[in-house]
Amino acid sequence: MRKVALKVAYIGTDFHGFQRQPDFKTVEGELIDALKNANLIDNLKDSGYAIAGRTDRGVHALGNVVSFRTPEDVIINQINDFLPKSIRILAKAGVRFGFKPRFAKYRHYRYTIVNNDDLNLDKIKEASQIFQGNHDFSNFSKRSERNPVRKVDNVEINVNDNLLIIDVIGESFLWNMVRKIATALFLVGNGELSIKKLQTFFDPSTTAAITPMPPEGLILMDTIYEGVTFKYDEYAKSKFLSALMDEYTYNQTIAAAEKIMMDELIGH
């Protein structure tokens, strides 16, 4: 018997979130079926199957993690043969029997915004520093969270062509927290929210109605553990890259058609 952790990548637009749900197509549902079809697990409870975390419908990942016990050799591409092309196991690591994937050293999320609004990047970068450190994030998640205090290790802002890229790194995050951080930074950038006002949002006695950014712009880039080194499979990476390229081309085609329609309406 051995215990293994797998690093899972997926295109979230194809699924009703990560967590398995009756009557819905989910990443976890597909993954569990693949692990069973590959004869790696039979009963979830007996295998000690566990996950690093759930992502919402539409959210993508390059580095979510699951772990389980199995008496069999774990071969990444044997599992991938049972998965749709929008989900791939990219890497594996042998872990101790006490390993629990939800206790990560840190998680890295990236949110991408198309910058068509001439955003003030200096203000966004200034505001991003406010989120670093320990804060009460009640206003950036559900108000019913039992422990809304979280530590954000780093928020980094970059620009690539017309894309605003927001990287957020921390040990753990609340539901919708990163997407609401992205909203707040966007509002600062377009002048709708002052930095002084933003600072008041960390006071839980203040109520701030923040609508999270759309899930499709969010990627769980990686989940890192102390003392665990994942070995990546190059073939699995190439197959997922191919799936991403197909999806990207498809979305470009849709965007191009919509632009033609917009231009035509503007011309009239």
C-alpha atoms as a PDB file:
ATOM      1  CA  MET A   1       0.000   0.000   0.000  1.00  0.00           C
ATOM      2  CA  ARG A   2       1.256   3.472  -0.900  1.00  0.00           C
ATOM      3  CA  LYS A   3      -0.091   7.002  -0.788  1.00  0.00           C
ATOM      4  CA  VAL A   4       0.140   9.291  -3.763  1.00  0.00           C
ATOM      5  CA  ALA A   5      -0.752  12.896  -4.493  1.00  0.00           C
ATOM      6  CA  LEU A   6      -1.784  13.949  -7.991  1.00  0.00           C
ATOM      7  CA  LYS A   7      -1.649  17.428  -9.495  1.00  0.00           C
ATOM      8  CA  VAL A   8      -4.783  18.028 -11.549  1.00  0.00           C
ATOM      9  CA  ALA A   9      -5.358  20.552 -14.353  1.00  0.00           C
ATOM     10  CA  TYR A  10      -8.693  21.367 -15.955  1.00  0.00           C
ATOM     11  CA  ILE A  11     -10.609  23.836 -18.112  1.00  0.00           C
ATOM     12  CA  GLY A  12     -13.402  24.842 -15.771  1.00  0.00           C
ATOM     13  CA  THR A  13     -15.897  26.050 -18.372  1.00  0.00           C
ATOM     14  CA  ASP A  14     -16.764  22.441 -19.199  1.00  0.00           C
ATOM     15  CA  PHE A  15     -17.855  21.552 -15.655  1.00  0.00           C
ATOM     16  CA  HIS A  16     -20.271  22.461 -12.888  1.00  0.00           C
ATOM     17  CA  GLY A  17     -17.385  23.160 -10.516  1.00  0.00           C
ATOM     18  CA  PHE A  18     -14.817  20.795  -9.020  1.00  0.00           C
ATOM     19  CA  GLN A  19     -16.773  19.076  -6.233  1.00  0.00           C
ATOM     20  CA  ARG A  20     -18.846  16.071  -7.239  1.00  0.00           C
ATOM     21  CA  GLN A  21     -22.601  16.668  -7.300  1.00  0.00           C
ATOM     22  CA  PRO A  22     -25.519  14.412  -8.196  1.00  0.00           C
ATOM     23  CA  ASP A  23     -26.844  14.991 -11.711  1.00  0.00           C
ATOM     24  CA  PHE A  24     -24.075  17.452 -12.657  1.00  0.00           C
ATOM     25  CA  LYS A  25     -20.860  16.988 -14.631  1.00  0.00           C
ATOM     26  CA  THR A  26     -17.985  17.960 -12.322  1.00  0.00           C
ATOM     27  CA  VAL A  27     -14.208  17.661 -12.382  1.00  0.00           C
ATOM     28  CA  GLU A  28     -14.151  15.497  -9.266  1.00  0.00           C
ATOM     29  CA  GLY A  29     -16.891  13.227 -10.567  1.00  0.00           C
ATOM     30  CA  GLU A  30     -14.892  12.565 -13.735  1.00  0.00           C
ATOM     31  CA  LEU A  31     -11.687  12.124 -11.742  1.00  0.00           C
ATOM     32  CA  ILE A  32     -13.138   9.603  -9.300  1.00  0.00           C
ATOM     33  CA  ASP A  33     -14.592   7.575 -12.177  1.00  0.00           C
ATOM     34  CA  ALA A  34     -11.165   7.560 -13.863  1.00  0.00           C
ATOM     35  CA  LEU A  35      -9.397   6.416 -10.681  1.00  0.00           C
ATOM     36  CA  LYS A  36     -11.906   3.586 -10.310  1.00  0.00           C
ATOM     37  CA  ASN A  37     -11.674   2.597 -13.987  1.00  0.00           C
ATOM     38  CA  ALA A  38      -7.883   2.523 -13.680  1.00  0.00           C
ATOM     39  CA  ASN A  39      -8.325   0.130 -10.701  1.00  0.00           C
ATOM     40  CA  LEU A  40      -6.492   2.465  -8.352  1.00  0.00           C
ATOM     41  CA  ILE A  41      -9.313   2.879  -5.852  1.00  0.00           C
ATOM     42  CA  ASP A  42     -12.511   1.027  -5.122  1.00  0.00           C
ATOM     43  CA  ASN A  43     -14.084   2.629  -2.070  1.00  0.00           C
ATOM     44  CA  LEU A  44     -13.388   6.348  -1.493  1.00  0.00           C
ATOM     45  CA  LYS A  45     -13.451   6.061   2.294  1.00  0.00           C
ATOM     46  CA  ASP A  46     -11.125   3.051   2.369  1.00  0.00           C
ATOM     47  CA  SER A  47      -8.681   4.775   0.013  1.00  0.00           C
ATOM     48  CA  GLY A  48      -8.477   7.910   2.177  1.00  0.00           C
ATOM     49  CA  TYR A  49      -9.269  10.018  -0.894  1.00  0.00           C
ATOM     50  CA  ALA A  50      -8.979  13.762  -0.159  1.00  0.00           C
ATOM     51  CA  ILE A  51      -8.732  17.045  -2.065  1.00  0.00           C
ATOM     52  CA  ALA A  52      -6.780  20.275  -1.676  1.00  0.00           C
ATOM     53  CA  GLY A  53      -9.835  22.411  -2.328  1.00  0.00           C
ATOM     54  CA  ARG A  54     -12.936  23.071  -4.378  1.00  0.00           C
ATOM     55  CA  THR A  55     -13.158  25.512  -7.249  1.00  0.00           C
ATOM     56  CA  ASP A  56     -16.416  27.039  -8.470  1.00  0.00           C
ATOM     57  CA  ARG A  57     -18.141  26.458 -11.754  1.00  0.00           C
ATOM     58  CA  GLY A  58     -16.074  28.061 -14.535  1.00  0.00           C
ATOM     59  CA  VAL A  59     -12.811  28.320 -12.556  1.00  0.00           C
ATOM     60  CA  HIS A  60      -9.760  26.684 -14.140  1.00  0.00           C
ATOM     61  CA  ALA A  61      -6.720  24.984 -12.606  1.00  0.00           C
ATOM     62  CA  LEU A  62      -3.159  23.987 -13.359  1.00  0.00           C
ATOM     63  CA  GLY A  63      -2.412  22.837  -9.836  1.00  0.00           C
ATOM     64  CA  ASN A  64      -5.273  21.415  -7.806  1.00  0.00           C
ATOM     65  CA  VAL A  65      -4.289  18.343  -5.785  1.00  0.00           C
ATOM     66  CA  VAL A  66      -5.925  15.091  -4.684  1.00  0.00           C
ATOM     67  CA  SER A  67      -4.428  12.221  -2.689  1.00  0.00           C
ATOM     68  CA  PHE A  68      -5.356   8.610  -1.941  1.00  0.00           C
ATOM     69  CA  ARG A  69      -3.960   5.235  -0.857  1.00  0.00           C
ATOM     70  CA  THR A  70      -3.620   2.402  -3.342  1.00  0.00           C
ATOM     71  CA  PRO A  71      -1.824  -0.958  -3.594  1.00  0.00           C
ATOM     72  CA  GLU A  72      -1.269  -0.409  -7.333  1.00  0.00           C
ATOM     73  CA  ASP A  73       1.396   1.416  -9.308  1.00  0.00           C
ATOM     74  CA  VAL A  74       0.082   4.843 -10.293  1.00  0.00           C
ATOM     75  CA  ILE A  75       0.726   5.609 -13.961  1.00  0.00           C
ATOM     76  CA  ILE A  76      -0.442   9.105 -14.877  1.00  0.00           C
ATOM     77  CA  ASN A  77      -1.430   8.466 -18.476  1.00  0.00           C
ATOM     78  CA  GLN A  78      -3.376   5.325 -17.622  1.00  0.00           C
ATOM     79  CA  ILE A  79      -5.626   7.574 -15.531  1.00  0.00           C
ATOM     80  CA  ASN A  80      -5.708  10.248 -18.246  1.00  0.00           C
ATOM     81  CA  ASP A  81      -6.967   7.672 -20.750  1.00  0.00           C
ATOM     82  CA  PHE A  82     -10.237   7.617 -18.786  1.00  0.00           C
ATOM     83  CA  LEU A  83     -10.546  11.416 -18.523  1.00  0.00           C
ATOM     84  CA  PRO A  84     -12.011  13.964 -20.949  1.00  0.00           C
ATOM     85  CA  LYS A  85      -9.352  16.045 -22.702  1.00  0.00           C
ATOM     86  CA  SER A  86     -10.290  19.104 -20.590  1.00  0.00           C
ATOM     87  CA  ILE A  87      -8.998  17.320 -17.447  1.00  0.00           C
ATOM     88  CA  ARG A  88      -5.457  16.001 -17.100  1.00  0.00           C
ATOM     89  CA  ILE A  89      -3.296  14.624 -14.325  1.00  0.00           C
ATOM     90  CA  LEU A  90      -0.038  16.501 -14.885  1.00  0.00           C
ATOM     91  CA  ALA A  91       2.179  15.240 -12.053  1.00  0.00           C
ATOM     92  CA  LYS A  92       2.407  12.869  -9.106  1.00  0.00           C
ATOM     93  CA  ALA A  93       4.308  12.595  -5.824  1.00  0.00           C
ATOM     94  CA  GLY A  94       4.679   9.886  -3.232  1.00  0.00           C
ATOM     95  CA  VAL A  95       3.570  11.273   0.138  1.00  0.00           C
ATOM     96  CA  ARG A  96       3.527  10.115   3.743  1.00  0.00           C
ATOM     97  CA  PHE A  97       0.372   8.397   5.019  1.00  0.00           C
ATOM     98  CA  GLY A  98      -0.427  11.403   7.215  1.00  0.00           C
ATOM     99  CA  PHE A  99      -0.417  13.807   4.250  1.00  0.00           C
ATOM    100  CA  LYS A 100      -3.574  15.909   3.942  1.00  0.00           C
ATOM    101  CA  PRO A 101      -3.816  17.926   0.707  1.00  0.00           C
ATOM    102  CA  ARG A 102      -5.915  20.731   2.201  1.00  0.00           C
ATOM    103  CA  PHE A 103      -3.002  21.733   4.460  1.00  0.00           C
ATOM    104  CA  ALA A 104      -0.882  23.453   1.829  1.00  0.00           C
ATOM    105  CA  LYS A 105       2.090  25.723   2.441  1.00  0.00           C
ATOM    106  CA  TYR A 106       0.492  28.157   0.012  1.00  0.00           C
ATOM    107  CA  ARG A 107      -1.898  28.400  -2.910  1.00  0.00           C
ATOM    108  CA  HIS A 108      -1.325  30.562  -5.955  1.00  0.00           C
ATOM    109  CA  TYR A 109      -4.339  32.042  -7.761  1.00  0.00           C
ATOM    110  CA  ARG A 110      -4.248  34.234 -10.852  1.00  0.00           C
ATOM    111  CA  TYR A 111      -7.063  36.434 -12.079  1.00  0.00           C
ATOM    112  CA  THR A 112      -6.960  37.964 -15.570  1.00  0.00           C
ATOM    113  CA  ILE A 113      -8.955  41.026 -16.647  1.00  0.00           C
ATOM    114  CA  VAL A 114      -9.161  42.391 -20.185  1.00  0.00           C
ATOM    115  CA  ASN A 115      -8.164  46.027 -19.725  1.00  0.00           C
ATOM    116  CA  ASN A 116     -10.429  47.952 -22.072  1.00  0.00           C
ATOM    117  CA  ASP A 117     -11.145  50.637 -19.470  1.00  0.00           C
ATOM    118  CA  ASP A 118      -7.850  52.538 -19.322  1.00  0.00           C
ATOM    119  CA  LEU A 119      -7.332  51.480 -15.724  1.00  0.00           C
ATOM    120  CA  ASN A 120      -5.003  53.411 -13.417  1.00  0.00           C
ATOM    121  CA  LEU A 121      -2.283  50.800 -12.856  1.00  0.00           C
ATOM    122  CA  ASP A 122      -0.425  52.854 -10.263  1.00  0.00           C
ATOM    123  CA  LYS A 123      -3.553  53.009  -8.107  1.00  0.00           C
ATOM    124  CA  ILE A 124      -4.184  49.280  -8.581  1.00  0.00           C
ATOM    125  CA  LYS A 125      -0.620  48.435  -7.521  1.00  0.00           C
ATOM    126  CA  GLU A 126      -0.925  50.710  -4.490  1.00  0.00           C
ATOM    127  CA  ALA A 127      -4.244  49.131  -3.509  1.00  0.00           C
ATOM    128  CA  SER A 128      -2.910  45.593  -3.994  1.00  0.00           C
ATOM    129  CA  GLN A 129      -0.432  46.089  -1.153  1.00  0.00           C
ATOM    130  CA  ILE A 130      -3.288  46.709   1.283  1.00  0.00           C
ATOM    131  CA  PHE A 131      -4.415  43.090   0.941  1.00  0.00           C
ATOM    132  CA  GLN A 132      -1.074  41.661   2.064  1.00  0.00           C
ATOM    133  CA  GLY A 133      -0.787  40.389   5.625  1.00  0.00           C
ATOM    134  CA  ASN A 134      -3.416  39.215   8.108  1.00  0.00           C
ATOM    135  CA  HIS A 135      -6.885  40.689   7.639  1.00  0.00           C
ATOM    136  CA  ASP A 136     -10.516  40.010   8.391  1.00  0.00           C
ATOM    137  CA  PHE A 137     -11.931  39.203   4.939  1.00  0.00           C
ATOM    138  CA  SER A 138     -15.598  39.089   5.974  1.00  0.00           C
ATOM    139  CA  ASN A 139     -16.458  41.578   3.238  1.00  0.00           C
ATOM    140  CA  PHE A 140     -14.679  39.466   0.649  1.00  0.00           C
ATOM    141  CA  SER A 141     -16.647  36.261   1.198  1.00  0.00           C
ATOM    142  CA  LYS A 142     -19.843  35.080   2.891  1.00  0.00           C
ATOM    143  CA  ARG A 143     -20.634  36.989   6.073  1.00  0.00           C
ATOM    144  CA  SER A 144     -21.331  33.638   7.747  1.00  0.00           C
ATOM    145  CA  GLU A 145     -17.707  32.422   7.556  1.00  0.00           C
ATOM    146  CA  ARG A 146     -16.680  31.038  10.944  1.00  0.00           C
ATOM    147  CA  ASN A 147     -13.076  32.195  10.584  1.00  0.00           C
ATOM    148  CA  PRO A 148     -12.825  35.111   8.154  1.00  0.00           C
ATOM    149  CA  VAL A 149      -9.237  35.992   9.086  1.00  0.00           C
ATOM    150  CA  ARG A 150      -6.731  35.000   6.418  1.00  0.00           C
ATOM    151  CA  LYS A 151      -3.108  35.813   5.652  1.00  0.00           C
ATOM    152  CA  VAL A 152      -2.254  36.914   2.127  1.00  0.00           C
ATOM    153  CA  ASP A 153       1.471  36.540   1.491  1.00  0.00           C
ATOM    154  CA  ASN A 154       1.648  38.459  -1.768  1.00  0.00           C
ATOM    155  CA  VAL A 155      -0.457  40.273  -4.364  1.00  0.00           C
ATOM    156  CA  GLU A 156       1.369  41.067  -7.582  1.00  0.00           C
ATOM    157  CA  ILE A 157       0.084  43.140 -10.507  1.00  0.00           C
ATOM    158  CA  ASN A 158       1.372  42.719 -14.051  1.00  0.00           C
ATOM    159  CA  VAL A 159       0.253  43.815 -17.511  1.00  0.00           C
ATOM    160  CA  ASN A 160       0.564  41.720 -20.666  1.00  0.00           C
ATOM    161  CA  ASP A 161      -0.671  43.606 -23.745  1.00  0.00           C
ATOM    162  CA  ASN A 162      -4.240  44.548 -22.780  1.00  0.00           C
ATOM    163  CA  LEU A 163      -4.466  42.026 -19.954  1.00  0.00           C
ATOM    164  CA  LEU A 164      -4.331  42.968 -16.281  1.00  0.00           C
ATOM    165  CA  ILE A 165      -2.926  39.995 -14.372  1.00  0.00           C
ATOM    166  CA  ILE A 166      -3.483  39.723 -10.615  1.00  0.00           C
ATOM    167  CA  ASP A 167      -1.514  37.050  -8.727  1.00  0.00           C
ATOM    168  CA  VAL A 168      -2.620  36.294  -5.171  1.00  0.00           C
ATOM    169  CA  ILE A 169      -0.640  33.920  -2.937  1.00  0.00           C
ATOM    170  CA  GLY A 170      -1.587  32.674   0.516  1.00  0.00           C
ATOM    171  CA  GLU A 171      -2.050  29.575   2.634  1.00  0.00           C
ATOM    172  CA  SER A 172      -5.836  29.445   2.316  1.00  0.00           C
ATOM    173  CA  PHE A 173      -8.698  31.473   0.903  1.00  0.00           C
ATOM    174  CA  LEU A 174     -12.383  32.012   1.597  1.00  0.00           C
ATOM    175  CA  TRP A 175     -15.127  31.341  -0.954  1.00  0.00           C
ATOM    176  CA  ASN A 176     -15.062  34.022  -3.697  1.00  0.00           C
ATOM    177  CA  MET A 177     -12.249  35.851  -1.867  1.00  0.00           C
ATOM    178  CA  VAL A 178      -9.838  36.142  -4.813  1.00  0.00           C
ATOM    179  CA  ARG A 179     -12.591  37.124  -7.251  1.00  0.00           C
ATOM    180  CA  LYS A 180     -13.787  39.847  -4.857  1.00  0.00           C
ATOM    181  CA  ILE A 181     -10.223  41.105  -4.404  1.00  0.00           C
ATOM    182  CA  ALA A 182     -10.041  41.358  -8.211  1.00  0.00           C
ATOM    183  CA  THR A 183     -13.298  43.347  -8.241  1.00  0.00           C
ATOM    184  CA  ALA A 184     -12.012  45.767  -5.605  1.00  0.00           C
ATOM    185  CA  LEU A 185      -8.778  46.344  -7.513  1.00  0.00           C
ATOM    186  CA  PHE A 186     -10.689  46.879 -10.753  1.00  0.00           C
ATOM    187  CA  LEU A 187     -12.948  49.451  -9.058  1.00  0.00           C
ATOM    188  CA  VAL A 188      -9.906  51.279  -7.683  1.00  0.00           C
ATOM    189  CA  GLY A 189      -8.385  51.247 -11.167  1.00  0.00           C
ATOM    190  CA  ASN A 190     -11.408  52.769 -12.863  1.00  0.00           C
ATOM    191  CA  GLY A 191     -11.936  55.377 -10.137  1.00  0.00           C
ATOM    192  CA  GLU A 192     -15.158  53.997  -8.624  1.00  0.00           C
ATOM    193  CA  LEU A 193     -13.480  53.062  -5.322  1.00  0.00           C
ATOM    194  CA  SER A 194     -10.918  55.084  -3.381  1.00  0.00           C
ATOM    195  CA  ILE A 195      -8.036  53.428  -1.565  1.00  0.00           C
ATOM    196  CA  LYS A 196      -9.172  55.124   1.638  1.00  0.00           C
ATOM    197  CA  LYS A 197     -12.630  53.557   1.261  1.00  0.00           C
ATOM    198  CA  LEU A 198     -11.119  50.176   0.423  1.00  0.00           C
ATOM    199  CA  GLN A 199      -9.205  50.177   3.704  1.00  0.00           C
ATOM    200  CA  THR A 200     -12.498  50.379   5.626  1.00  0.00           C
ATOM    201  CA  PHE A 201     -13.628  47.073   4.083  1.00  0.00           C
ATOM    202  CA  PHE A 202     -11.342  45.174   6.477  1.00  0.00           C
ATOM    203  CA  ASP A 203     -13.468  46.356   9.394  1.00  0.00           C
ATOM    204  CA  PRO A 204     -16.072  43.583   9.822  1.00  0.00           C
ATOM    205  CA  SER A 205     -18.518  46.108  11.303  1.00  0.00           C
ATOM    206  CA  THR A 206     -18.570  47.775   7.877  1.00  0.00           C
ATOM    207  CA  THR A 207     -20.692  46.081   5.223  1.00  0.00           C
ATOM    208  CA  ALA A 208     -19.407  46.248   1.654  1.00  0.00           C
ATOM    209  CA  ALA A 209     -21.402  44.784  -1.212  1.00  0.00           C
ATOM    210  CA  ILE A 210     -18.690  43.461  -3.544  1.00  0.00           C
ATOM    211  CA  THR A 211     -19.767  41.466  -6.586  1.00  0.00           C
ATOM    212  CA  PRO A 212     -17.144  38.841  -7.459  1.00  0.00           C
ATOM    213  CA  MET A 213     -15.525  38.961 -10.866  1.00  0.00           C
ATOM    214  CA  PRO A 214     -16.704  36.227 -13.299  1.00  0.00           C
ATOM    215  CA  PRO A 215     -15.258  32.785 -12.467  1.00  0.00           C
ATOM    216  CA  GLU A 216     -13.912  32.218 -15.991  1.00  0.00           C
ATOM    217  CA  GLY A 217     -11.031  34.642 -15.350  1.00  0.00           C
ATOM    218  CA  LEU A 218      -9.702  32.729 -12.332  1.00  0.00           C
ATOM    219  CA  ILE A 219      -7.015  30.034 -12.389  1.00  0.00           C
ATOM    220  CA  LEU A 220      -5.695  27.975  -9.483  1.00  0.00           C
ATOM    221  CA  MET A 221      -2.108  28.086 -10.714  1.00  0.00           C
ATOM    222  CA  ASP A 222      -0.510  25.844  -8.097  1.00  0.00           C
ATOM    223  CA  THR A 223      -0.724  24.282  -4.653  1.00  0.00           C
ATOM    224  CA  ILE A 224       2.606  23.942  -2.844  1.00  0.00           C
ATOM    225  CA  TYR A 225       3.490  21.672   0.100  1.00  0.00           C
ATOM    226  CA  GLU A 226       6.467  21.576   2.427  1.00  0.00           C
ATOM    227  CA  GLY A 227       8.733  18.659   1.512  1.00  0.00           C
ATOM    228  CA  VAL A 228       6.629  17.384  -1.420  1.00  0.00           C
ATOM    229  CA  THR A 229       8.102  17.420  -4.919  1.00  0.00           C
ATOM    230  CA  PHE A 230       5.842  16.556  -7.840  1.00  0.00           C
ATOM    231  CA  LYS A 231       7.226  14.815 -10.900  1.00  0.00           C
ATOM    232  CA  TYR A 232       5.595  16.129 -14.079  1.00  0.00           C
ATOM    233  CA  ASP A 233       4.746  13.935 -17.046  1.00  0.00           C
ATOM    234  CA  GLU A 234       5.763  15.598 -20.313  1.00  0.00           C
ATOM    235  CA  TYR A 235       3.266  13.679 -22.435  1.00  0.00           C
ATOM    236  CA  ALA A 236       0.389  14.649 -20.134  1.00  0.00           C
ATOM    237  CA  LYS A 237       1.501  18.285 -20.274  1.00  0.00           C
ATOM    238  CA  SER A 238       1.596  18.225 -24.082  1.00  0.00           C
ATOM    239  CA  LYS A 239      -1.896  16.711 -24.302  1.00  0.00           C
ATOM    240  CA  PHE A 240      -3.353  19.351 -21.983  1.00  0.00           C
ATOM    241  CA  LEU A 241      -1.548  22.093 -23.900  1.00  0.00           C
ATOM    242  CA  SER A 242      -3.196  20.784 -27.072  1.00  0.00           C
ATOM    243  CA  ALA A 243      -6.627  20.907 -25.383  1.00  0.00           C
ATOM    244  CA  LEU A 244      -5.974  24.479 -24.269  1.00  0.00           C
ATOM    245  CA  MET A 245      -4.917  25.505 -27.776  1.00  0.00           C
ATOM    246  CA  ASP A 246      -8.116  24.027 -29.234  1.00  0.00           C
ATOM    247  CA  GLU A 247     -10.230  25.865 -26.646  1.00  0.00           C
ATOM    248  CA  TYR A 248      -8.332  29.103 -27.231  1.00  0.00           C
ATOM    249  CA  THR A 249      -8.835  28.918 -31.009  1.00  0.00           C
ATOM    250  CA  TYR A 250     -12.541  28.182 -30.551  1.00  0.00           C
ATOM    251  CA  ASN A 251     -12.983  31.182 -28.246  1.00  0.00           C
ATOM    252  CA  GLN A 252     -10.992  33.423 -30.608  1.00  0.00           C
ATOM    253  CA  THR A 253     -13.356  32.457 -33.421  1.00  0.00           C
ATOM    254  CA  ILE A 254     -16.381  33.404 -31.325  1.00  0.00           C
ATOM    255  CA  ALA A 255     -14.767  36.697 -30.274  1.00  0.00           C
ATOM    256  CA  ALA A 256     -13.899  37.523 -33.894  1.00  0.00           C
ATOM    257  CA  ALA A 257     -17.475  36.894 -35.045  1.00  0.00           C
ATOM    258  CA  GLU A 258     -18.868  39.036 -32.222  1.00  0.00           C
ATOM    259  CA  LYS A 259     -16.474  41.867 -33.102  1.00  0.00           C
ATOM    260  CA  ILE A 260     -17.633  41.815 -36.712  1.00  0.00           C
ATOM    261  CA  MET A 261     -21.225  42.052 -35.506  1.00  0.00           C
ATOM    262  CA  MET A 262     -20.373  44.966 -33.183  1.00  0.00           C
ATOM    263  CA  ASP A 263     -18.481  46.799 -35.928  1.00  0.00           C
ATOM    264  CA  GLU A 264     -21.420  46.344 -38.273  1.00  0.00           C
ATOM    265  CA  LEU A 265     -23.862  47.782 -35.738  1.00  0.00           C
ATOM    266  CA  ILE A 266     -21.551  50.721 -35.006  1.00  0.00           C
ATOM    267  CA  GLY A 267     -21.227  51.355 -38.740  1.00  0.00           C
ATOM    268  CA  HIS A 268     -24.965  51.667 -39.028  1.00  0.00           C
END
